[in-house]
Amino acid sequence: MADELNELNLHSLKPAQPRKDRKRVGRGLGSGKGRYSGRGIKGQKSRAGSHMMRAGFEGGQMPLYMRLGKQKGSTSKDAMPIVPFMTRTAPVNVRDLEARFDAGAEVTPESLVAAGLLKNTKIDVKILGNGDLAKALTVTAHGFSKSAREKIEKAGGTIVWLRGEPVPKKVKHHKAAKPAVEEPEEDEATPVDEAPVEVEAEPEGDSES
């Protein structure tokens, strides 16, 4: 008989612990938590969602991550968003051109994508000078470093600027202060001994009566 009672059947299923209804807090005096349900009177912590604030939230004041200094440069990750007219540049070294292209080939952004050196042609391409280049190539790109340009031309190749060769910036030379020109000292005039002026004596004559 006991085995029949302990036998597990659909009609004899029941929870291990008795069910207990959840107390509905924050619903007035009938909730059993008082008038304010333990939240106090007004304030941020009395609002819904006040206990699920994001990390770094400081109650509305300037948070720490905004008070700290930022990395230099307008394109750093923690600086302000990049302005629309700024572009990114994908670097490609001359050693990659040496490994992926045959002598006399034309290197363009499209051919770089086909060779697997670029993901797409939406960003500018700059050729850098790391490595050696011994093949004459015609390289078309948006930018070239000084060393890359020298190595491509030294190997007998040519470069083509997609947006025109940049104009070198004029370096402002600070004018050096002119040394003060010392004026030659004037020779002091030697004093000339002035000869005594002789005053002619009036002739003695009869005085008018």
N, C-alpha and C. Protein backbone atom coordinates (compact mmCIF):
# COMPACT_ATOMS: atom_id res chain seq x y z
N MET A 1 0.82 -1.20 0.00
CA MET A 1 0.00 0.00 0.00
C MET A 1 0.87 1.26 0.00
N ALA A 2 1.93 1.22 0.78
CA ALA A 2 2.84 2.35 0.84
C ALA A 2 3.53 2.57 -0.50
N ASP A 3 3.83 1.45 -1.18
CA ASP A 3 4.46 1.59 -2.50
C ASP A 3 3.52 2.26 -3.48
N GLU A 4 2.23 1.99 -3.36
CA GLU A 4 1.27 2.62 -4.26
C GLU A 4 1.17 4.11 -3.99
N LEU A 5 1.30 4.53 -2.71
CA LEU A 5 1.24 5.94 -2.39
C LEU A 5 2.48 6.69 -2.87
N ASN A 6 3.63 6.03 -2.77
CA ASN A 6 4.89 6.66 -3.20
C ASN A 6 5.09 6.60 -4.71
N GLU A 7 4.21 5.87 -5.37
CA GLU A 7 4.37 5.75 -6.82
C GLU A 7 4.10 7.10 -7.47
N LEU A 8 4.96 7.49 -8.41
CA LEU A 8 4.87 8.79 -9.06
C LEU A 8 3.91 8.70 -10.24
N ASN A 9 2.83 9.44 -10.14
CA ASN A 9 1.84 9.47 -11.22
C ASN A 9 1.53 10.94 -11.55
N LEU A 10 0.91 11.14 -12.70
CA LEU A 10 0.56 12.50 -13.11
C LEU A 10 -0.43 13.12 -12.13
N HIS A 11 -1.32 12.31 -11.61
CA HIS A 11 -2.32 12.88 -10.73
C HIS A 11 -1.81 13.13 -9.31
N SER A 12 -0.59 12.61 -9.03
CA SER A 12 -0.04 12.78 -7.68
C SER A 12 1.16 13.74 -7.64
N LEU A 13 1.40 14.44 -8.74
CA LEU A 13 2.54 15.37 -8.78
C LEU A 13 2.22 16.60 -7.94
N LYS A 14 3.18 17.08 -7.19
CA LYS A 14 3.03 18.30 -6.42
C LYS A 14 4.43 18.86 -6.14
N PRO A 15 4.55 20.16 -5.93
CA PRO A 15 5.88 20.74 -5.69
C PRO A 15 6.47 20.26 -4.38
N ALA A 16 7.79 20.28 -4.32
CA ALA A 16 8.47 19.82 -3.11
C ALA A 16 8.20 20.75 -1.94
N GLN A 17 8.11 22.08 -2.24
CA GLN A 17 7.79 23.04 -1.20
C GLN A 17 6.43 23.66 -1.52
N PRO A 18 5.68 23.99 -0.51
CA PRO A 18 4.37 24.60 -0.79
C PRO A 18 4.52 25.95 -1.48
N ARG A 19 3.64 26.25 -2.39
CA ARG A 19 3.68 27.51 -3.11
C ARG A 19 3.35 28.66 -2.18
N LYS A 20 3.99 29.77 -2.45
CA LYS A 20 3.74 30.96 -1.65
C LYS A 20 3.66 32.14 -2.60
N ASP A 21 2.56 32.85 -2.53
CA ASP A 21 2.37 33.98 -3.43
C ASP A 21 3.38 35.07 -3.12
N ARG A 22 3.88 35.73 -4.19
CA ARG A 22 4.84 36.82 -4.03
C ARG A 22 4.11 38.04 -3.49
N LYS A 23 4.73 38.69 -2.56
CA LYS A 23 4.13 39.89 -1.99
C LYS A 23 4.33 41.05 -2.96
N ARG A 24 3.27 41.72 -3.33
CA ARG A 24 3.33 42.85 -4.25
C ARG A 24 3.70 44.10 -3.46
N VAL A 25 4.97 44.48 -3.58
CA VAL A 25 5.45 45.64 -2.83
C VAL A 25 5.23 46.89 -3.66
N GLY A 26 5.28 48.03 -3.00
CA GLY A 26 5.14 49.29 -3.70
C GLY A 26 3.76 49.54 -4.23
N ARG A 27 2.73 49.03 -3.58
CA ARG A 27 1.36 49.21 -4.04
C ARG A 27 0.49 49.81 -2.94
N GLY A 28 1.08 50.65 -2.15
CA GLY A 28 0.30 51.31 -1.13
C GLY A 28 0.32 50.60 0.21
N LEU A 29 -0.55 51.04 1.08
CA LEU A 29 -0.57 50.49 2.43
C LEU A 29 -0.95 49.02 2.46
N GLY A 30 -1.70 48.55 1.48
CA GLY A 30 -2.13 47.16 1.49
C GLY A 30 -1.02 46.18 1.18
N SER A 31 0.16 46.65 0.75
CA SER A 31 1.25 45.73 0.42
C SER A 31 1.95 45.20 1.66
N GLY A 32 1.72 45.82 2.79
CA GLY A 32 2.41 45.38 4.00
C GLY A 32 3.76 46.01 4.18
N LYS A 33 4.17 46.91 3.26
CA LYS A 33 5.47 47.56 3.35
C LYS A 33 5.35 49.03 3.74
N GLY A 34 4.18 49.45 4.11
CA GLY A 34 4.01 50.84 4.50
C GLY A 34 3.70 51.73 3.32
N ARG A 35 3.68 53.01 3.58
CA ARG A 35 3.24 53.96 2.55
C ARG A 35 4.23 54.07 1.40
N TYR A 36 5.53 54.06 1.72
CA TYR A 36 6.55 54.26 0.68
C TYR A 36 7.28 52.97 0.32
N SER A 37 6.88 51.86 0.89
CA SER A 37 7.44 50.55 0.55
C SER A 37 8.95 50.48 0.73
N GLY A 38 9.48 51.17 1.71
CA GLY A 38 10.91 51.09 1.99
C GLY A 38 11.79 51.91 1.08
N ARG A 39 11.19 52.74 0.20
CA ARG A 39 12.00 53.53 -0.74
C ARG A 39 12.22 54.96 -0.26
N GLY A 40 11.60 55.34 0.80
CA GLY A 40 11.77 56.70 1.26
C GLY A 40 10.88 57.65 0.46
N ILE A 41 11.09 58.94 0.66
CA ILE A 41 10.28 59.95 0.00
C ILE A 41 11.07 60.58 -1.14
N LYS A 42 10.62 60.42 -2.33
CA LYS A 42 11.20 61.02 -3.54
C LYS A 42 12.68 60.66 -3.69
N GLY A 43 13.36 61.37 -4.55
CA GLY A 43 14.77 61.09 -4.80
C GLY A 43 14.96 60.06 -5.89
N GLN A 44 16.20 59.93 -6.35
CA GLN A 44 16.50 59.02 -7.46
C GLN A 44 16.23 57.57 -7.10
N LYS A 45 16.54 57.17 -5.88
CA LYS A 45 16.40 55.76 -5.51
C LYS A 45 14.96 55.35 -5.26
N SER A 46 14.04 56.30 -5.31
CA SER A 46 12.63 55.95 -5.18
C SER A 46 11.98 55.68 -6.53
N ARG A 47 12.75 55.90 -7.64
CA ARG A 47 12.20 55.72 -8.98
C ARG A 47 12.44 54.31 -9.48
N ALA A 48 11.67 53.93 -10.45
CA ALA A 48 11.85 52.62 -11.07
C ALA A 48 13.15 52.62 -11.88
N GLY A 49 13.88 51.52 -11.81
CA GLY A 49 15.13 51.40 -12.55
C GLY A 49 16.31 52.09 -11.92
N SER A 50 16.15 52.65 -10.72
CA SER A 50 17.25 53.38 -10.10
C SER A 50 18.37 52.46 -9.63
N HIS A 51 18.09 51.16 -9.49
CA HIS A 51 19.11 50.22 -9.02
C HIS A 51 19.76 49.47 -10.17
N MET A 52 19.55 49.95 -11.39
CA MET A 52 20.13 49.29 -12.56
C MET A 52 20.87 50.31 -13.42
N MET A 53 21.64 51.20 -12.77
CA MET A 53 22.36 52.22 -13.50
C MET A 53 23.61 51.63 -14.15
N ARG A 54 24.04 52.27 -15.22
CA ARG A 54 25.21 51.78 -15.95
C ARG A 54 26.48 51.99 -15.13
N ALA A 55 27.51 51.26 -15.46
CA ALA A 55 28.78 51.40 -14.77
C ALA A 55 29.36 52.78 -15.02
N GLY A 56 29.85 53.40 -13.99
CA GLY A 56 30.43 54.73 -14.12
C GLY A 56 29.46 55.86 -13.93
N PHE A 57 28.17 55.55 -13.68
CA PHE A 57 27.18 56.61 -13.46
C PHE A 57 27.41 57.24 -12.10
N GLU A 58 27.45 58.57 -12.06
CA GLU A 58 27.75 59.28 -10.82
C GLU A 58 26.63 60.24 -10.44
N GLY A 59 25.40 59.85 -10.70
CA GLY A 59 24.30 60.67 -10.26
C GLY A 59 24.05 61.90 -11.10
N GLY A 60 24.55 61.93 -12.31
CA GLY A 60 24.30 63.07 -13.18
C GLY A 60 25.45 64.05 -13.25
N GLN A 61 26.42 63.95 -12.33
CA GLN A 61 27.56 64.85 -12.42
C GLN A 61 28.53 64.34 -13.48
N MET A 62 29.54 65.12 -13.79
CA MET A 62 30.50 64.74 -14.81
C MET A 62 31.23 63.46 -14.39
N PRO A 63 31.10 62.36 -15.15
CA PRO A 63 31.70 61.10 -14.73
C PRO A 63 33.22 61.12 -14.86
N LEU A 64 33.84 60.16 -14.24
CA LEU A 64 35.30 60.13 -14.18
C LEU A 64 35.92 59.98 -15.56
N TYR A 65 35.31 59.13 -16.41
CA TYR A 65 35.92 58.88 -17.72
C TYR A 65 35.84 60.11 -18.62
N MET A 66 35.03 61.08 -18.28
CA MET A 66 34.99 62.33 -19.04
C MET A 66 35.87 63.41 -18.41
N ARG A 67 36.18 63.24 -17.13
CA ARG A 67 37.04 64.21 -16.46
C ARG A 67 38.51 63.96 -16.76
N LEU A 68 38.87 62.73 -17.08
CA LEU A 68 40.27 62.41 -17.35
C LEU A 68 40.68 62.94 -18.71
N GLY A 69 41.98 63.10 -18.91
CA GLY A 69 42.50 63.60 -20.17
C GLY A 69 42.36 62.56 -21.28
N LYS A 70 42.36 63.03 -22.49
CA LYS A 70 42.21 62.18 -23.65
C LYS A 70 43.57 62.00 -24.34
N GLN A 71 43.63 60.99 -25.21
CA GLN A 71 44.82 60.79 -26.00
C GLN A 71 44.97 61.93 -27.00
N LYS A 72 46.19 62.22 -27.37
CA LYS A 72 46.42 63.28 -28.34
C LYS A 72 45.96 62.85 -29.73
N GLY A 73 45.55 63.80 -30.51
CA GLY A 73 45.13 63.51 -31.87
C GLY A 73 43.63 63.42 -31.99
N SER A 74 43.11 63.83 -33.13
CA SER A 74 41.66 63.86 -33.33
C SER A 74 41.10 62.50 -33.70
N THR A 75 41.97 61.50 -33.97
CA THR A 75 41.48 60.20 -34.39
C THR A 75 41.67 59.14 -33.32
N SER A 76 42.01 59.54 -32.09
CA SER A 76 42.18 58.54 -31.04
C SER A 76 40.82 57.97 -30.65
N LYS A 77 40.81 56.76 -30.16
CA LYS A 77 39.55 56.05 -29.89
C LYS A 77 38.75 56.70 -28.78
N ASP A 78 39.44 57.35 -27.83
CA ASP A 78 38.71 57.93 -26.72
C ASP A 78 38.51 59.43 -26.88
N ALA A 79 38.85 59.97 -28.04
CA ALA A 79 38.59 61.38 -28.30
C ALA A 79 37.19 61.54 -28.86
N MET A 80 36.86 62.74 -29.27
CA MET A 80 35.54 63.00 -29.82
C MET A 80 35.39 62.26 -31.15
N PRO A 81 34.17 62.05 -31.64
CA PRO A 81 33.99 61.34 -32.91
C PRO A 81 34.73 62.01 -34.05
N ILE A 82 35.19 61.19 -34.97
CA ILE A 82 35.96 61.70 -36.10
C ILE A 82 35.05 62.52 -37.00
N VAL A 83 35.53 63.65 -37.46
CA VAL A 83 34.73 64.51 -38.31
C VAL A 83 34.52 63.85 -39.67
N PRO A 84 33.45 64.18 -40.39
CA PRO A 84 33.11 63.46 -41.62
C PRO A 84 34.16 63.54 -42.72
N PHE A 85 34.89 64.68 -42.80
CA PHE A 85 35.80 64.83 -43.93
C PHE A 85 37.14 64.14 -43.72
N MET A 86 37.37 63.55 -42.56
CA MET A 86 38.63 62.84 -42.33
C MET A 86 38.52 61.41 -42.86
N THR A 87 39.59 60.92 -43.43
CA THR A 87 39.60 59.59 -44.04
C THR A 87 40.62 58.71 -43.34
N ARG A 88 40.43 57.42 -43.48
CA ARG A 88 41.38 56.45 -42.96
C ARG A 88 42.28 55.97 -44.11
N THR A 89 43.43 55.48 -43.76
CA THR A 89 44.40 55.05 -44.75
C THR A 89 44.82 53.62 -44.47
N ALA A 90 44.82 52.79 -45.52
CA ALA A 90 45.26 51.40 -45.38
C ALA A 90 46.71 51.31 -45.84
N PRO A 91 47.62 50.83 -44.99
CA PRO A 91 49.03 50.76 -45.38
C PRO A 91 49.35 49.49 -46.16
N VAL A 92 50.20 49.63 -47.17
CA VAL A 92 50.71 48.49 -47.95
C VAL A 92 52.20 48.72 -48.14
N ASN A 93 53.02 47.76 -47.74
CA ASN A 93 54.46 47.91 -47.84
C ASN A 93 54.97 47.39 -49.19
N VAL A 94 56.17 47.87 -49.56
CA VAL A 94 56.75 47.46 -50.84
C VAL A 94 57.13 45.98 -50.83
N ARG A 95 57.39 45.41 -49.65
CA ARG A 95 57.71 43.99 -49.60
C ARG A 95 56.51 43.14 -50.01
N ASP A 96 55.28 43.66 -49.72
CA ASP A 96 54.08 42.94 -50.16
C ASP A 96 53.92 43.02 -51.68
N LEU A 97 54.29 44.16 -52.26
CA LEU A 97 54.24 44.28 -53.72
C LEU A 97 55.25 43.34 -54.38
N GLU A 98 56.41 43.20 -53.74
CA GLU A 98 57.43 42.30 -54.27
C GLU A 98 56.95 40.85 -54.25
N ALA A 99 56.19 40.48 -53.23
CA ALA A 99 55.76 39.08 -53.09
C ALA A 99 54.53 38.76 -53.92
N ARG A 100 53.65 39.73 -54.17
CA ARG A 100 52.36 39.42 -54.80
C ARG A 100 52.27 39.79 -56.28
N PHE A 101 53.17 40.62 -56.79
CA PHE A 101 53.05 41.09 -58.17
C PHE A 101 54.28 40.72 -58.97
N ASP A 102 54.07 40.49 -60.27
CA ASP A 102 55.17 40.20 -61.19
C ASP A 102 55.76 41.50 -61.72
N ALA A 103 56.95 41.37 -62.29
CA ALA A 103 57.63 42.55 -62.83
C ALA A 103 56.80 43.13 -63.98
N GLY A 104 56.70 44.44 -64.00
CA GLY A 104 55.95 45.13 -65.04
C GLY A 104 54.46 45.22 -64.79
N ALA A 105 53.97 44.72 -63.67
CA ALA A 105 52.54 44.74 -63.39
C ALA A 105 52.11 46.14 -62.95
N GLU A 106 50.81 46.39 -63.13
CA GLU A 106 50.22 47.64 -62.68
C GLU A 106 49.52 47.40 -61.34
N VAL A 107 49.94 48.14 -60.37
CA VAL A 107 49.38 48.00 -59.02
C VAL A 107 48.36 49.12 -58.81
N THR A 108 47.12 48.74 -58.60
CA THR A 108 46.03 49.68 -58.35
C THR A 108 45.27 49.22 -57.10
N PRO A 109 44.41 50.05 -56.54
CA PRO A 109 43.61 49.59 -55.40
C PRO A 109 42.79 48.35 -55.72
N GLU A 110 42.29 48.25 -56.96
CA GLU A 110 41.51 47.06 -57.33
C GLU A 110 42.38 45.81 -57.36
N SER A 111 43.61 45.95 -57.91
CA SER A 111 44.50 44.79 -57.95
C SER A 111 44.99 44.41 -56.55
N LEU A 112 45.08 45.38 -55.66
CA LEU A 112 45.46 45.07 -54.28
C LEU A 112 44.36 44.29 -53.58
N VAL A 113 43.09 44.60 -53.89
CA VAL A 113 41.98 43.83 -53.34
C VAL A 113 42.00 42.41 -53.89
N ALA A 114 42.27 42.27 -55.20
CA ALA A 114 42.33 40.94 -55.81
C ALA A 114 43.48 40.11 -55.26
N ALA A 115 44.57 40.79 -54.87
CA ALA A 115 45.73 40.08 -54.33
C ALA A 115 45.57 39.78 -52.84
N GLY A 116 44.50 40.28 -52.23
CA GLY A 116 44.27 40.01 -50.82
C GLY A 116 44.99 40.93 -49.87
N LEU A 117 45.53 42.05 -50.38
CA LEU A 117 46.22 43.00 -49.52
C LEU A 117 45.29 44.06 -48.96
N LEU A 118 44.11 44.21 -49.55
CA LEU A 118 43.11 45.15 -49.07
C LEU A 118 41.76 44.45 -48.98
N LYS A 119 40.90 44.95 -48.09
CA LYS A 119 39.55 44.39 -47.99
C LYS A 119 38.63 44.96 -49.05
N ASN A 120 38.73 46.25 -49.28
CA ASN A 120 37.90 46.90 -50.28
C ASN A 120 38.57 48.19 -50.70
N THR A 121 37.95 48.89 -51.63
CA THR A 121 38.51 50.13 -52.16
C THR A 121 37.84 51.37 -51.57
N LYS A 122 37.17 51.21 -50.42
CA LYS A 122 36.47 52.34 -49.83
C LYS A 122 37.40 53.26 -49.03
N ILE A 123 38.60 52.76 -48.72
CA ILE A 123 39.54 53.57 -47.95
C ILE A 123 40.76 53.86 -48.80
N ASP A 124 41.46 54.92 -48.45
CA ASP A 124 42.65 55.31 -49.19
C ASP A 124 43.79 54.31 -48.95
N VAL A 125 44.70 54.27 -49.92
CA VAL A 125 45.84 53.36 -49.85
C VAL A 125 47.12 54.18 -49.81
N LYS A 126 47.99 53.85 -48.88
CA LYS A 126 49.29 54.50 -48.81
C LYS A 126 50.38 53.43 -48.87
N ILE A 127 51.33 53.63 -49.76
CA ILE A 127 52.43 52.68 -49.94
C ILE A 127 53.57 53.09 -49.01
N LEU A 128 53.99 52.14 -48.17
CA LEU A 128 55.07 52.39 -47.23
C LEU A 128 56.34 51.67 -47.68
N GLY A 129 57.46 52.02 -47.10
CA GLY A 129 58.75 51.56 -47.60
C GLY A 129 59.38 50.42 -46.84
N ASN A 130 58.63 49.64 -46.07
CA ASN A 130 59.23 48.51 -45.35
C ASN A 130 59.53 47.37 -46.32
N GLY A 131 60.75 46.86 -46.27
CA GLY A 131 61.13 45.76 -47.15
C GLY A 131 61.90 46.25 -48.37
N ASP A 132 62.18 45.29 -49.25
CA ASP A 132 62.94 45.59 -50.47
C ASP A 132 62.06 45.37 -51.69
N LEU A 133 62.38 46.07 -52.76
CA LEU A 133 61.65 45.95 -54.03
C LEU A 133 62.66 45.92 -55.16
N ALA A 134 62.59 44.85 -55.96
CA ALA A 134 63.52 44.70 -57.08
C ALA A 134 62.80 44.59 -58.41
N LYS A 135 61.49 44.83 -58.45
CA LYS A 135 60.70 44.72 -59.67
C LYS A 135 60.22 46.10 -60.09
N ALA A 136 60.19 46.31 -61.40
CA ALA A 136 59.67 47.56 -61.94
C ALA A 136 58.15 47.49 -61.99
N LEU A 137 57.50 48.28 -61.17
CA LEU A 137 56.05 48.26 -61.09
C LEU A 137 55.50 49.66 -61.31
N THR A 138 54.30 49.70 -61.84
CA THR A 138 53.57 50.97 -61.95
C THR A 138 52.55 51.00 -60.83
N VAL A 139 52.81 51.78 -59.80
CA VAL A 139 52.01 51.76 -58.58
C VAL A 139 51.11 53.00 -58.55
N THR A 140 49.81 52.75 -58.42
CA THR A 140 48.82 53.82 -58.32
C THR A 140 48.20 53.76 -56.94
N ALA A 141 48.31 54.86 -56.20
CA ALA A 141 47.79 54.88 -54.83
C ALA A 141 47.49 56.33 -54.45
N HIS A 142 46.91 56.46 -53.26
CA HIS A 142 46.56 57.80 -52.78
C HIS A 142 47.73 58.50 -52.12
N GLY A 143 48.69 57.72 -51.62
CA GLY A 143 49.81 58.33 -50.95
C GLY A 143 51.03 57.42 -50.97
N PHE A 144 52.20 58.02 -50.85
CA PHE A 144 53.46 57.28 -50.85
C PHE A 144 54.36 57.91 -49.79
N SER A 145 55.03 57.04 -49.05
CA SER A 145 56.04 57.56 -48.15
C SER A 145 57.30 57.88 -48.94
N LYS A 146 58.17 58.66 -48.33
CA LYS A 146 59.38 59.07 -49.02
C LYS A 146 60.25 57.87 -49.38
N SER A 147 60.40 56.92 -48.43
CA SER A 147 61.24 55.75 -48.70
C SER A 147 60.61 54.84 -49.75
N ALA A 148 59.27 54.70 -49.73
CA ALA A 148 58.62 53.86 -50.74
C ALA A 148 58.78 54.46 -52.12
N ARG A 149 58.66 55.75 -52.20
CA ARG A 149 58.83 56.41 -53.51
C ARG A 149 60.23 56.21 -54.05
N GLU A 150 61.22 56.33 -53.19
CA GLU A 150 62.61 56.14 -53.63
C GLU A 150 62.86 54.71 -54.09
N LYS A 151 62.30 53.71 -53.36
CA LYS A 151 62.55 52.32 -53.73
C LYS A 151 61.84 51.94 -55.03
N ILE A 152 60.64 52.45 -55.25
CA ILE A 152 59.92 52.13 -56.49
C ILE A 152 60.64 52.73 -57.69
N GLU A 153 61.07 53.97 -57.57
CA GLU A 153 61.77 54.61 -58.69
C GLU A 153 63.15 54.02 -58.89
N LYS A 154 63.80 53.59 -57.81
CA LYS A 154 65.12 52.97 -57.95
C LYS A 154 65.03 51.64 -58.67
N ALA A 155 63.91 50.91 -58.48
CA ALA A 155 63.73 49.62 -59.15
C ALA A 155 63.28 49.78 -60.60
N GLY A 156 63.12 51.03 -61.05
CA GLY A 156 62.71 51.26 -62.44
C GLY A 156 61.21 51.43 -62.61
N GLY A 157 60.47 51.51 -61.55
CA GLY A 157 59.03 51.67 -61.65
C GLY A 157 58.60 53.12 -61.60
N THR A 158 57.31 53.32 -61.69
CA THR A 158 56.74 54.66 -61.65
C THR A 158 55.60 54.69 -60.65
N ILE A 159 55.30 55.88 -60.17
CA ILE A 159 54.20 56.05 -59.23
C ILE A 159 53.18 57.01 -59.83
N VAL A 160 51.91 56.78 -59.48
CA VAL A 160 50.82 57.61 -59.96
C VAL A 160 49.99 58.01 -58.74
N TRP A 161 49.83 59.30 -58.56
CA TRP A 161 49.02 59.81 -57.43
C TRP A 161 47.56 59.88 -57.87
N LEU A 162 46.68 59.27 -57.10
CA LEU A 162 45.27 59.29 -57.45
C LEU A 162 44.64 60.66 -57.23
N ARG A 163 45.12 61.41 -56.29
CA ARG A 163 44.56 62.74 -56.01
C ARG A 163 45.57 63.85 -56.23
N GLY A 164 46.57 63.56 -57.03
CA GLY A 164 47.57 64.58 -57.27
C GLY A 164 48.64 64.59 -56.20
N GLU A 165 49.83 64.93 -56.60
CA GLU A 165 50.94 64.96 -55.66
C GLU A 165 50.73 66.09 -54.66
N PRO A 166 50.82 65.78 -53.38
CA PRO A 166 50.58 66.84 -52.39
C PRO A 166 51.63 67.93 -52.47
N VAL A 167 51.17 69.13 -52.21
CA VAL A 167 52.08 70.27 -52.23
C VAL A 167 52.81 70.33 -50.90
N PRO A 168 54.12 70.38 -50.93
CA PRO A 168 54.85 70.43 -49.66
C PRO A 168 54.52 71.70 -48.90
N LYS A 169 54.42 71.53 -47.60
CA LYS A 169 54.09 72.68 -46.77
C LYS A 169 55.29 73.60 -46.65
N LYS A 170 54.98 74.87 -46.64
CA LYS A 170 56.04 75.85 -46.49
C LYS A 170 56.46 75.91 -45.03
N VAL A 171 57.75 75.76 -44.84
CA VAL A 171 58.29 75.81 -43.49
C VAL A 171 58.61 77.26 -43.16
N LYS A 172 58.03 77.72 -42.10
CA LYS A 172 58.27 79.09 -41.69
C LYS A 172 59.58 79.17 -40.92
N HIS A 173 60.51 79.91 -41.48
CA HIS A 173 61.78 80.10 -40.82
C HIS A 173 61.70 81.36 -39.96
N HIS A 174 62.00 81.18 -38.72
CA HIS A 174 61.98 82.33 -37.83
C HIS A 174 63.21 83.19 -38.10
N LYS A 175 62.96 84.43 -38.34
CA LYS A 175 64.06 85.34 -38.63
C LYS A 175 64.90 85.53 -37.38
N ALA A 176 66.19 85.29 -37.57
CA ALA A 176 67.09 85.48 -36.43
C ALA A 176 67.25 86.97 -36.16
N ALA A 177 67.36 87.27 -34.93
CA ALA A 177 67.51 88.68 -34.56
C ALA A 177 68.83 89.21 -35.10
N LYS A 178 68.74 90.31 -35.78
CA LYS A 178 69.95 90.89 -36.35
C LYS A 178 70.85 91.40 -35.23
N PRO A 179 72.14 91.09 -35.34
CA PRO A 179 73.04 91.59 -34.30
C PRO A 179 73.11 93.11 -34.34
N ALA A 180 73.14 93.67 -33.19
CA ALA A 180 73.19 95.13 -33.12
C ALA A 180 74.51 95.63 -33.69
N VAL A 181 74.40 96.54 -34.66
CA VAL A 181 75.59 97.10 -35.29
C VAL A 181 76.13 98.20 -34.40
N GLU A 182 77.35 97.99 -34.00
CA GLU A 182 77.94 98.99 -33.14
C GLU A 182 78.41 100.16 -33.98
N GLU A 183 77.91 101.30 -33.66
CA GLU A 183 78.32 102.49 -34.40
C GLU A 183 79.75 102.86 -34.02
N PRO A 184 80.52 103.20 -35.03
CA PRO A 184 81.91 103.58 -34.71
C PRO A 184 81.94 104.80 -33.81
N GLU A 185 82.81 104.70 -32.86
CA GLU A 185 82.91 105.81 -31.92
C GLU A 185 83.56 107.01 -32.61
N GLU A 186 82.92 108.11 -32.47
CA GLU A 186 83.47 109.32 -33.07
C GLU A 186 84.66 109.82 -32.24
N ASP A 187 85.70 110.19 -33.00
CA ASP A 187 86.87 110.73 -32.31
C ASP A 187 86.52 112.06 -31.68
N GLU A 188 86.84 112.13 -30.45
CA GLU A 188 86.56 113.38 -29.77
C GLU A 188 87.43 114.49 -30.35
N ALA A 189 86.78 115.56 -30.69
CA ALA A 189 87.54 116.68 -31.28
C ALA A 189 88.51 117.24 -30.25
N THR A 190 89.71 117.34 -30.73
CA THR A 190 90.72 117.90 -29.82
C THR A 190 90.44 119.38 -29.63
N PRO A 191 90.42 119.81 -28.42
CA PRO A 191 90.13 121.25 -28.21
C PRO A 191 91.20 122.13 -28.84
N VAL A 192 90.76 123.13 -29.56
CA VAL A 192 91.68 124.05 -30.22
C VAL A 192 91.88 125.26 -29.31
N ASP A 193 93.11 125.54 -29.10
CA ASP A 193 93.40 126.70 -28.25
C ASP A 193 93.00 127.95 -28.99
N GLU A 194 92.01 128.61 -28.49
CA GLU A 194 91.54 129.81 -29.15
C GLU A 194 92.51 130.97 -28.85
N ALA A 195 92.88 131.59 -29.95
CA ALA A 195 93.78 132.74 -29.77
C ALA A 195 93.03 133.89 -29.13
N PRO A 196 93.65 134.63 -28.24
CA PRO A 196 92.95 135.77 -27.62
C PRO A 196 92.61 136.83 -28.64
N VAL A 197 91.43 137.31 -28.57
CA VAL A 197 90.98 138.32 -29.52
C VAL A 197 91.48 139.68 -29.06
N GLU A 198 92.21 140.27 -29.93
CA GLU A 198 92.76 141.58 -29.58
C GLU A 198 91.73 142.65 -29.85
N VAL A 199 91.45 143.46 -28.89
CA VAL A 199 90.48 144.55 -29.02
C VAL A 199 91.25 145.84 -29.26
N GLU A 200 90.97 146.44 -30.39
CA GLU A 200 91.67 147.68 -30.72
C GLU A 200 91.23 148.80 -29.78
N ALA A 201 92.18 149.44 -29.24
CA ALA A 201 91.87 150.55 -28.32
C ALA A 201 91.49 151.77 -29.12
N GLU A 202 90.47 152.46 -28.65
CA GLU A 202 90.02 153.68 -29.35
C GLU A 202 91.06 154.79 -29.13
N PRO A 203 91.35 155.53 -30.21
CA PRO A 203 92.34 156.62 -30.02
C PRO A 203 91.79 157.71 -29.09
N GLU A 204 92.70 158.16 -28.24
CA GLU A 204 92.30 159.18 -27.28
C GLU A 204 92.13 160.50 -28.04
N GLY A 205 91.07 161.06 -27.96
CA GLY A 205 90.82 162.35 -28.63
C GLY A 205 90.15 163.34 -27.69
N ASP A 206 90.04 164.58 -28.21
CA ASP A 206 89.36 165.59 -27.40
C ASP A 206 87.90 165.20 -27.20
N SER A 207 87.53 165.24 -26.00
CA SER A 207 86.13 164.90 -25.75
C SER A 207 85.25 166.06 -26.09
N GLU A 208 84.11 165.78 -26.53
CA GLU A 208 83.21 166.85 -26.91
C GLU A 208 82.77 167.59 -25.65
N SER A 209 82.85 168.84 -25.78
CA SER A 209 82.46 169.64 -24.64
C SER A 209 80.95 169.87 -24.68
